[in-house]
Amino acid sequence: MQVAIHVLPGASRARVGGQRGGALVVHVTEPPIAGQATIAALAAVARALGVPKRDVTLIHGHSSRIKIIEIPDSAAIGFAALA
């Protein structure tokens, strides 16, 4: 299942929840340098959904705050609860 996330780098603590423009908001502490925030965002989403990091993959938006990611279909209910 493909979903949109809005990554906010440089936060005081990592957290997942809420919506902005129809995308799930993901706050990460890492800076937006060399993909660090993207990697942290994927890991944070995986942790919030309770799935392995390898099951959350980036589809589109490598250098954008809005990213399209692929999550397992089994995690769709958990994703809806986060938003």
PDB file of N, CA and C in Angstrom:
ATOM      1  N   MET A   1       0.843  -1.168   0.000  1.00  0.00           N
ATOM      2  CA  MET A   1       0.000   0.000   0.000  1.00  0.00           C
ATOM      3  C   MET A   1       0.893   1.237   0.000  1.00  0.00           C
ATOM      4  N   GLN A   2       0.642   2.159  -0.885  1.00  0.00           N
ATOM      5  CA  GLN A   2       1.425   3.389  -0.957  1.00  0.00           C
ATOM      6  C   GLN A   2       0.710   4.501  -0.204  1.00  0.00           C
ATOM      7  N   VAL A   3       1.483   5.225   0.626  1.00  0.00           N
ATOM      8  CA  VAL A   3       0.939   6.310   1.427  1.00  0.00           C
ATOM      9  C   VAL A   3       1.905   7.496   1.406  1.00  0.00           C
ATOM     10  N   ALA A   4       1.393   8.673   1.771  1.00  0.00           N
ATOM     11  CA  ALA A   4       2.212   9.887   1.800  1.00  0.00           C
ATOM     12  C   ALA A   4       2.590  10.220   3.234  1.00  0.00           C
ATOM     13  N   ILE A   5       3.841  10.671   3.404  1.00  0.00           N
ATOM     14  CA  ILE A   5       4.285  11.178   4.704  1.00  0.00           C
ATOM     15  C   ILE A   5       4.892  12.565   4.492  1.00  0.00           C
ATOM     16  N   HIS A   6       4.801  13.397   5.509  1.00  0.00           N
ATOM     17  CA  HIS A   6       5.399  14.735   5.500  1.00  0.00           C
ATOM     18  C   HIS A   6       6.484  14.725   6.568  1.00  0.00           C
ATOM     19  N   VAL A   7       7.743  14.797   6.157  1.00  0.00           N
ATOM     20  CA  VAL A   7       8.875  14.694   7.072  1.00  0.00           C
ATOM     21  C   VAL A   7       9.283  16.081   7.555  1.00  0.00           C
ATOM     22  N   LEU A   8       9.397  16.224   8.875  1.00  0.00           N
ATOM     23  CA  LEU A   8       9.847  17.474   9.492  1.00  0.00           C
ATOM     24  C   LEU A   8      11.154  17.190  10.234  1.00  0.00           C
ATOM     25  N   PRO A   9      12.300  17.491   9.601  1.00  0.00           N
ATOM     26  CA  PRO A   9      13.603  17.212  10.215  1.00  0.00           C
ATOM     27  C   PRO A   9      13.962  18.240  11.289  1.00  0.00           C
ATOM     28  N   GLY A  10      14.921  17.870  12.131  1.00  0.00           N
ATOM     29  CA  GLY A  10      15.439  18.782  13.138  1.00  0.00           C
ATOM     30  C   GLY A  10      14.526  18.969  14.338  1.00  0.00           C
ATOM     31  N   ALA A  11      13.639  18.032  14.587  1.00  0.00           N
ATOM     32  CA  ALA A  11      12.733  18.122  15.736  1.00  0.00           C
ATOM     33  C   ALA A  11      13.488  17.813  17.026  1.00  0.00           C
ATOM     34  N   SER A  12      12.923  18.207  18.154  1.00  0.00           N
ATOM     35  CA  SER A  12      13.566  17.933  19.428  1.00  0.00           C
ATOM     36  C   SER A  12      13.487  16.452  19.796  1.00  0.00           C
ATOM     37  N   ARG A  13      12.453  15.765  19.287  1.00  0.00           N
ATOM     38  CA  ARG A  13      12.335  14.319  19.496  1.00  0.00           C
ATOM     39  C   ARG A  13      11.579  13.709  18.317  1.00  0.00           C
ATOM     40  N   ALA A  14      11.846  12.448  18.061  1.00  0.00           N
ATOM     41  CA  ALA A  14      11.186  11.751  16.951  1.00  0.00           C
ATOM     42  C   ALA A  14       9.780  11.343  17.373  1.00  0.00           C
ATOM     43  N   ARG A  15       8.805  11.589  16.491  1.00  0.00           N
ATOM     44  CA  ARG A  15       7.435  11.166  16.761  1.00  0.00           C
ATOM     45  C   ARG A  15       6.668  11.081  15.443  1.00  0.00           C
ATOM     46  N   VAL A  16       5.641  10.260  15.448  1.00  0.00           N
ATOM     47  CA  VAL A  16       4.826  10.029  14.261  1.00  0.00           C
ATOM     48  C   VAL A  16       3.379  10.265  14.649  1.00  0.00           C
ATOM     49  N   GLY A  17       2.685  11.096  13.889  1.00  0.00           N
ATOM     50  CA  GLY A  17       1.268  11.313  14.161  1.00  0.00           C
ATOM     51  C   GLY A  17       0.785  12.648  13.649  1.00  0.00           C
ATOM     52  N   GLY A  18      -0.490  12.700  13.348  1.00  0.00           N
ATOM     53  CA  GLY A  18      -1.094  13.910  12.815  1.00  0.00           C
ATOM     54  C   GLY A  18      -1.078  13.927  11.301  1.00  0.00           C
ATOM     55  N   GLN A  19      -1.729  14.927  10.759  1.00  0.00           N
ATOM     56  CA  GLN A  19      -1.794  15.069   9.304  1.00  0.00           C
ATOM     57  C   GLN A  19      -1.455  16.484   8.887  1.00  0.00           C
ATOM     58  N   ARG A  20      -0.875  16.596   7.729  1.00  0.00           N
ATOM     59  CA  ARG A  20      -0.613  17.888   7.100  1.00  0.00           C
ATOM     60  C   ARG A  20      -0.795  17.687   5.608  1.00  0.00           C
ATOM     61  N   GLY A  21      -1.788  18.331   5.053  1.00  0.00           N
ATOM     62  CA  GLY A  21      -2.036  18.215   3.620  1.00  0.00           C
ATOM     63  C   GLY A  21      -2.368  16.807   3.172  1.00  0.00           C
ATOM     64  N   GLY A  22      -3.016  16.038   4.031  1.00  0.00           N
ATOM     65  CA  GLY A  22      -3.381  14.670   3.691  1.00  0.00           C
ATOM     66  C   GLY A  22      -2.277  13.651   3.879  1.00  0.00           C
ATOM     67  N   ALA A  23      -1.120  14.086   4.386  1.00  0.00           N
ATOM     68  CA  ALA A  23       0.005  13.172   4.604  1.00  0.00           C
ATOM     69  C   ALA A  23       0.252  13.005   6.101  1.00  0.00           C
ATOM     70  N   LEU A  24       0.697  11.827   6.500  1.00  0.00           N
ATOM     71  CA  LEU A  24       1.061  11.561   7.887  1.00  0.00           C
ATOM     72  C   LEU A  24       2.311  12.367   8.229  1.00  0.00           C
ATOM     73  N   VAL A  25       2.304  13.058   9.360  1.00  0.00           N
ATOM     74  CA  VAL A  25       3.448  13.873   9.781  1.00  0.00           C
ATOM     75  C   VAL A  25       4.429  13.011  10.566  1.00  0.00           C
ATOM     76  N   VAL A  26       5.706  13.101  10.169  1.00  0.00           N
ATOM     77  CA  VAL A  26       6.782  12.352  10.830  1.00  0.00           C
ATOM     78  C   VAL A  26       7.862  13.352  11.238  1.00  0.00           C
ATOM     79  N   HIS A  27       8.032  13.548  12.548  1.00  0.00           N
ATOM     80  CA  HIS A  27       9.079  14.421  13.079  1.00  0.00           C
ATOM     81  C   HIS A  27      10.312  13.560  13.351  1.00  0.00           C
ATOM     82  N   VAL A  28      11.475  14.021  12.891  1.00  0.00           N
ATOM     83  CA  VAL A  28      12.732  13.303  13.147  1.00  0.00           C
ATOM     84  C   VAL A  28      13.778  14.285  13.653  1.00  0.00           C
ATOM     85  N   THR A  29      14.708  13.797  14.439  1.00  0.00           N
ATOM     86  CA  THR A  29      15.750  14.659  15.001  1.00  0.00           C
ATOM     87  C   THR A  29      16.894  14.904  14.022  1.00  0.00           C
ATOM     88  N   GLU A  30      17.059  14.053  13.038  1.00  0.00           N
ATOM     89  CA  GLU A  30      18.165  14.161  12.098  1.00  0.00           C
ATOM     90  C   GLU A  30      17.976  15.359  11.167  1.00  0.00           C
ATOM     91  N   PRO A  31      19.092  15.921  10.696  1.00  0.00           N
ATOM     92  CA  PRO A  31      19.016  17.041   9.752  1.00  0.00           C
ATOM     93  C   PRO A  31      18.746  16.538   8.329  1.00  0.00           C
ATOM     94  N   PRO A  32      18.259  17.425   7.473  1.00  0.00           N
ATOM     95  CA  PRO A  32      17.988  17.023   6.087  1.00  0.00           C
ATOM     96  C   PRO A  32      19.258  17.054   5.231  1.00  0.00           C
ATOM     97  N   ILE A  33      20.262  16.310   5.662  1.00  0.00           N
ATOM     98  CA  ILE A  33      21.554  16.288   4.972  1.00  0.00           C
ATOM     99  C   ILE A  33      21.861  14.858   4.556  1.00  0.00           C
ATOM    100  N   ALA A  34      22.164  14.679   3.286  1.00  0.00           N
ATOM    101  CA  ALA A  34      22.585  13.376   2.739  1.00  0.00           C
ATOM    102  C   ALA A  34      21.595  12.260   3.051  1.00  0.00           C
ATOM    103  N   GLY A  35      20.312  12.580   3.081  1.00  0.00           N
ATOM    104  CA  GLY A  35      19.298  11.561   3.268  1.00  0.00           C
ATOM    105  C   GLY A  35      19.110  11.063   4.690  1.00  0.00           C
ATOM    106  N   GLN A  36      19.760  11.706   5.656  1.00  0.00           N
ATOM    107  CA  GLN A  36      19.662  11.256   7.049  1.00  0.00           C
ATOM    108  C   GLN A  36      18.233  11.330   7.565  1.00  0.00           C
ATOM    109  N   ALA A  37      17.533  12.424   7.265  1.00  0.00           N
ATOM    110  CA  ALA A  37      16.151  12.583   7.737  1.00  0.00           C
ATOM    111  C   ALA A  37      15.230  11.557   7.082  1.00  0.00           C
ATOM    112  N   THR A  38      15.470  11.244   5.830  1.00  0.00           N
ATOM    113  CA  THR A  38      14.650  10.259   5.128  1.00  0.00           C
ATOM    114  C   THR A  38      14.799   8.881   5.762  1.00  0.00           C
ATOM    115  N   ILE A  39      16.024   8.480   6.019  1.00  0.00           N
ATOM    116  CA  ILE A  39      16.288   7.179   6.642  1.00  0.00           C
ATOM    117  C   ILE A  39      15.637   7.117   8.016  1.00  0.00           C
ATOM    118  N   ALA A  40      15.767   8.194   8.783  1.00  0.00           N
ATOM    119  CA  ALA A  40      15.174   8.238  10.119  1.00  0.00           C
ATOM    120  C   ALA A  40      13.651   8.195  10.046  1.00  0.00           C
ATOM    121  N   ALA A  41      13.064   8.867   9.053  1.00  0.00           N
ATOM    122  CA  ALA A  41      11.607   8.879   8.901  1.00  0.00           C
ATOM    123  C   ALA A  41      11.076   7.487   8.572  1.00  0.00           C
ATOM    124  N   LEU A  42      11.751   6.784   7.688  1.00  0.00           N
ATOM    125  CA  LEU A  42      11.320   5.423   7.347  1.00  0.00           C
ATOM    126  C   LEU A  42      11.403   4.512   8.568  1.00  0.00           C
ATOM    127  N   ALA A  43      12.470   4.662   9.344  1.00  0.00           N
ATOM    128  CA  ALA A  43      12.628   3.857  10.558  1.00  0.00           C
ATOM    129  C   ALA A  43      11.555   4.198  11.586  1.00  0.00           C
ATOM    130  N   ALA A  44      11.222   5.485  11.711  1.00  0.00           N
ATOM    131  CA  ALA A  44      10.204   5.914  12.673  1.00  0.00           C
ATOM    132  C   ALA A  44       8.826   5.376  12.295  1.00  0.00           C
ATOM    133  N   VAL A  45       8.509   5.390  11.009  1.00  0.00           N
ATOM    134  CA  VAL A  45       7.225   4.854  10.555  1.00  0.00           C
ATOM    135  C   VAL A  45       7.167   3.347  10.814  1.00  0.00           C
ATOM    136  N   ALA A  46       8.253   2.653  10.505  1.00  0.00           N
ATOM    137  CA  ALA A  46       8.288   1.203  10.744  1.00  0.00           C
ATOM    138  C   ALA A  46       8.091   0.896  12.224  1.00  0.00           C
ATOM    139  N   ARG A  47       8.767   1.648  13.081  1.00  0.00           N
ATOM    140  CA  ARG A  47       8.645   1.444  14.526  1.00  0.00           C
ATOM    141  C   ARG A  47       7.211   1.720  14.992  1.00  0.00           C
ATOM    142  N   ALA A  48       6.607   2.802  14.488  1.00  0.00           N
ATOM    143  CA  ALA A  48       5.238   3.156  14.889  1.00  0.00           C
ATOM    144  C   ALA A  48       4.220   2.114  14.432  1.00  0.00           C
ATOM    145  N   LEU A  49       4.480   1.488  13.286  1.00  0.00           N
ATOM    146  CA  LEU A  49       3.563   0.477  12.757  1.00  0.00           C
ATOM    147  C   LEU A  49       3.851  -0.920  13.288  1.00  0.00           C
ATOM    148  N   GLY A  50       5.022  -1.095  13.908  1.00  0.00           N
ATOM    149  CA  GLY A  50       5.387  -2.405  14.429  1.00  0.00           C
ATOM    150  C   GLY A  50       5.778  -3.392  13.347  1.00  0.00           C
ATOM    151  N   VAL A  51       6.388  -2.883  12.267  1.00  0.00           N
ATOM    152  CA  VAL A  51       6.844  -3.740  11.177  1.00  0.00           C
ATOM    153  C   VAL A  51       8.357  -3.578  11.031  1.00  0.00           C
ATOM    154  N   PRO A  52       9.041  -4.544  10.425  1.00  0.00           N
ATOM    155  CA  PRO A  52      10.479  -4.408  10.197  1.00  0.00           C
ATOM    156  C   PRO A  52      10.786  -3.228   9.264  1.00  0.00           C
ATOM    157  N   LYS A  53      11.951  -2.595   9.475  1.00  0.00           N
ATOM    158  CA  LYS A  53      12.346  -1.459   8.637  1.00  0.00           C
ATOM    159  C   LYS A  53      12.380  -1.828   7.159  1.00  0.00           C
ATOM    160  N   ARG A  54      12.733  -3.064   6.852  1.00  0.00           N
ATOM    161  CA  ARG A  54      12.833  -3.480   5.452  1.00  0.00           C
ATOM    162  C   ARG A  54      11.472  -3.486   4.752  1.00  0.00           C
ATOM    163  N   ASP A  55      10.374  -3.490   5.534  1.00  0.00           N
ATOM    164  CA  ASP A  55       9.031  -3.497   4.953  1.00  0.00           C
ATOM    165  C   ASP A  55       8.499  -2.109   4.624  1.00  0.00           C
ATOM    166  N   VAL A  56       9.242  -1.061   4.991  1.00  0.00           N
ATOM    167  CA  VAL A  56       8.849   0.314   4.683  1.00  0.00           C
ATOM    168  C   VAL A  56       9.868   0.858   3.683  1.00  0.00           C
ATOM    169  N   THR A  57       9.420   1.118   2.462  1.00  0.00           N
ATOM    170  CA  THR A  57      10.349   1.546   1.413  1.00  0.00           C
ATOM    171  C   THR A  57       9.914   2.872   0.795  1.00  0.00           C
ATOM    172  N   LEU A  58      10.900   3.636   0.387  1.00  0.00           N
ATOM    173  CA  LEU A  58      10.666   4.924  -0.252  1.00  0.00           C
ATOM    174  C   LEU A  58      10.391   4.712  -1.732  1.00  0.00           C
ATOM    175  N   ILE A  59       9.278   5.272  -2.220  1.00  0.00           N
ATOM    176  CA  ILE A  59       8.914   5.164  -3.630  1.00  0.00           C
ATOM    177  C   ILE A  59       9.261   6.439  -4.378  1.00  0.00           C
ATOM    178  N   HIS A  60       8.923   7.584  -3.782  1.00  0.00           N
ATOM    179  CA  HIS A  60       9.102   8.871  -4.454  1.00  0.00           C
ATOM    180  C   HIS A  60       9.352   9.953  -3.410  1.00  0.00           C
ATOM    181  N   GLY A  61      10.173  10.948  -3.753  1.00  0.00           N
ATOM    182  CA  GLY A  61      10.404  12.085  -2.876  1.00  0.00           C
ATOM    183  C   GLY A  61      11.709  12.024  -2.113  1.00  0.00           C
ATOM    184  N   HIS A  62      12.748  11.526  -2.752  1.00  0.00           N
ATOM    185  CA  HIS A  62      14.043  11.365  -2.089  1.00  0.00           C
ATOM    186  C   HIS A  62      14.548  12.657  -1.456  1.00  0.00           C
ATOM    187  N   SER A  63      14.333  13.804  -2.101  1.00  0.00           N
ATOM    188  CA  SER A  63      14.845  15.073  -1.582  1.00  0.00           C
ATOM    189  C   SER A  63      13.719  16.048  -1.245  1.00  0.00           C
ATOM    190  N   SER A  64      12.540  15.537  -1.035  1.00  0.00           N
ATOM    191  CA  SER A  64      11.380  16.375  -0.730  1.00  0.00           C
ATOM    192  C   SER A  64      10.877  16.069   0.673  1.00  0.00           C
ATOM    193  N   ARG A  65      10.200  17.026   1.288  1.00  0.00           N
ATOM    194  CA  ARG A  65       9.603  16.766   2.601  1.00  0.00           C
ATOM    195  C   ARG A  65       8.396  15.838   2.481  1.00  0.00           C
ATOM    196  N   ILE A  66       7.702  15.914   1.346  1.00  0.00           N
ATOM    197  CA  ILE A  66       6.573  15.021   1.094  1.00  0.00           C
ATOM    198  C   ILE A  66       7.118  13.797   0.375  1.00  0.00           C
ATOM    199  N   LYS A  67       6.890  12.637   0.958  1.00  0.00           N
ATOM    200  CA  LYS A  67       7.411  11.395   0.401  1.00  0.00           C
ATOM    201  C   LYS A  67       6.283  10.381   0.230  1.00  0.00           C
ATOM    202  N   ILE A  68       6.397   9.561  -0.784  1.00  0.00           N
ATOM    203  CA  ILE A  68       5.482   8.441  -0.984  1.00  0.00           C
ATOM    204  C   ILE A  68       6.243   7.194  -0.567  1.00  0.00           C
ATOM    205  N   ILE A  69       5.655   6.449   0.358  1.00  0.00           N
ATOM    206  CA  ILE A  69       6.304   5.236   0.843  1.00  0.00           C
ATOM    207  C   ILE A  69       5.382   4.042   0.628  1.00  0.00           C
ATOM    208  N   GLU A  70       5.984   2.875   0.640  1.00  0.00           N
ATOM    209  CA  GLU A  70       5.247   1.614   0.527  1.00  0.00           C
ATOM    210  C   GLU A  70       5.287   0.939   1.890  1.00  0.00           C
ATOM    211  N   ILE A  71       4.093   0.582   2.394  1.00  0.00           N
ATOM    212  CA  ILE A  71       3.998  -0.166   3.641  1.00  0.00           C
ATOM    213  C   ILE A  71       3.223  -1.451   3.374  1.00  0.00           C
ATOM    214  N   PRO A  72       3.394  -2.464   4.219  1.00  0.00           N
ATOM    215  CA  PRO A  72       2.637  -3.697   4.010  1.00  0.00           C
ATOM    216  C   PRO A  72       1.140  -3.447   4.145  1.00  0.00           C
ATOM    217  N   ASP A  73       0.351  -4.163   3.372  1.00  0.00           N
ATOM    218  CA  ASP A  73      -1.105  -4.037   3.462  1.00  0.00           C
ATOM    219  C   ASP A  73      -1.608  -4.340   4.877  1.00  0.00           C
ATOM    220  N   SER A  74      -0.909  -5.213   5.575  1.00  0.00           N
ATOM    221  CA  SER A  74      -1.310  -5.581   6.933  1.00  0.00           C
ATOM    222  C   SER A  74      -1.157  -4.426   7.909  1.00  0.00           C
ATOM    223  N   ALA A  75      -0.396  -3.393   7.549  1.00  0.00           N
ATOM    224  CA  ALA A  75      -0.160  -2.244   8.433  1.00  0.00           C
ATOM    225  C   ALA A  75      -1.109  -1.082   8.144  1.00  0.00           C
ATOM    226  N   ALA A  76      -2.042  -1.267   7.223  1.00  0.00           N
ATOM    227  CA  ALA A  76      -2.928  -0.170   6.816  1.00  0.00           C
ATOM    228  C   ALA A  76      -3.780   0.338   7.970  1.00  0.00           C
ATOM    229  N   ILE A  77      -4.285  -0.546   8.800  1.00  0.00           N
ATOM    230  CA  ILE A  77      -5.119  -0.124   9.941  1.00  0.00           C
ATOM    231  C   ILE A  77      -4.297   0.689  10.935  1.00  0.00           C
ATOM    232  N   GLY A  78      -3.087   0.235  11.199  1.00  0.00           N
ATOM    233  CA  GLY A  78      -2.197   0.976  12.099  1.00  0.00           C
ATOM    234  C   GLY A  78      -1.846   2.330  11.542  1.00  0.00           C
ATOM    235  N   PHE A  79      -1.652   2.423  10.242  1.00  0.00           N
ATOM    236  CA  PHE A  79      -1.337   3.692   9.606  1.00  0.00           C
ATOM    237  C   PHE A  79      -2.495   4.661   9.751  1.00  0.00           C
ATOM    238  N   ALA A  80      -3.711   4.188   9.519  1.00  0.00           N
ATOM    239  CA  ALA A  80      -4.900   5.048   9.639  1.00  0.00           C
ATOM    240  C   ALA A  80      -5.043   5.561  11.074  1.00  0.00           C
ATOM    241  N   ALA A  81      -4.677   4.757  12.060  1.00  0.00           N
ATOM    242  CA  ALA A  81      -4.786   5.172  13.452  1.00  0.00           C
ATOM    243  C   ALA A  81      -3.782   6.262  13.805  1.00  0.00           C
ATOM    244  N   LEU A  82      -2.639   6.303  13.127  1.00  0.00           N
ATOM    245  CA  LEU A  82      -1.630   7.310  13.385  1.00  0.00           C
ATOM    246  C   LEU A  82      -2.023   8.680  12.854  1.00  0.00           C
ATOM    247  N   ALA A  83      -2.759   8.686  11.767  1.00  0.00           N
ATOM    248  CA  ALA A  83      -3.131   9.953  11.121  1.00  0.00           C
ATOM    249  C   ALA A  83      -4.286  10.590  11.772  1.00  0.00           C
TER     250      ALA A  83
END
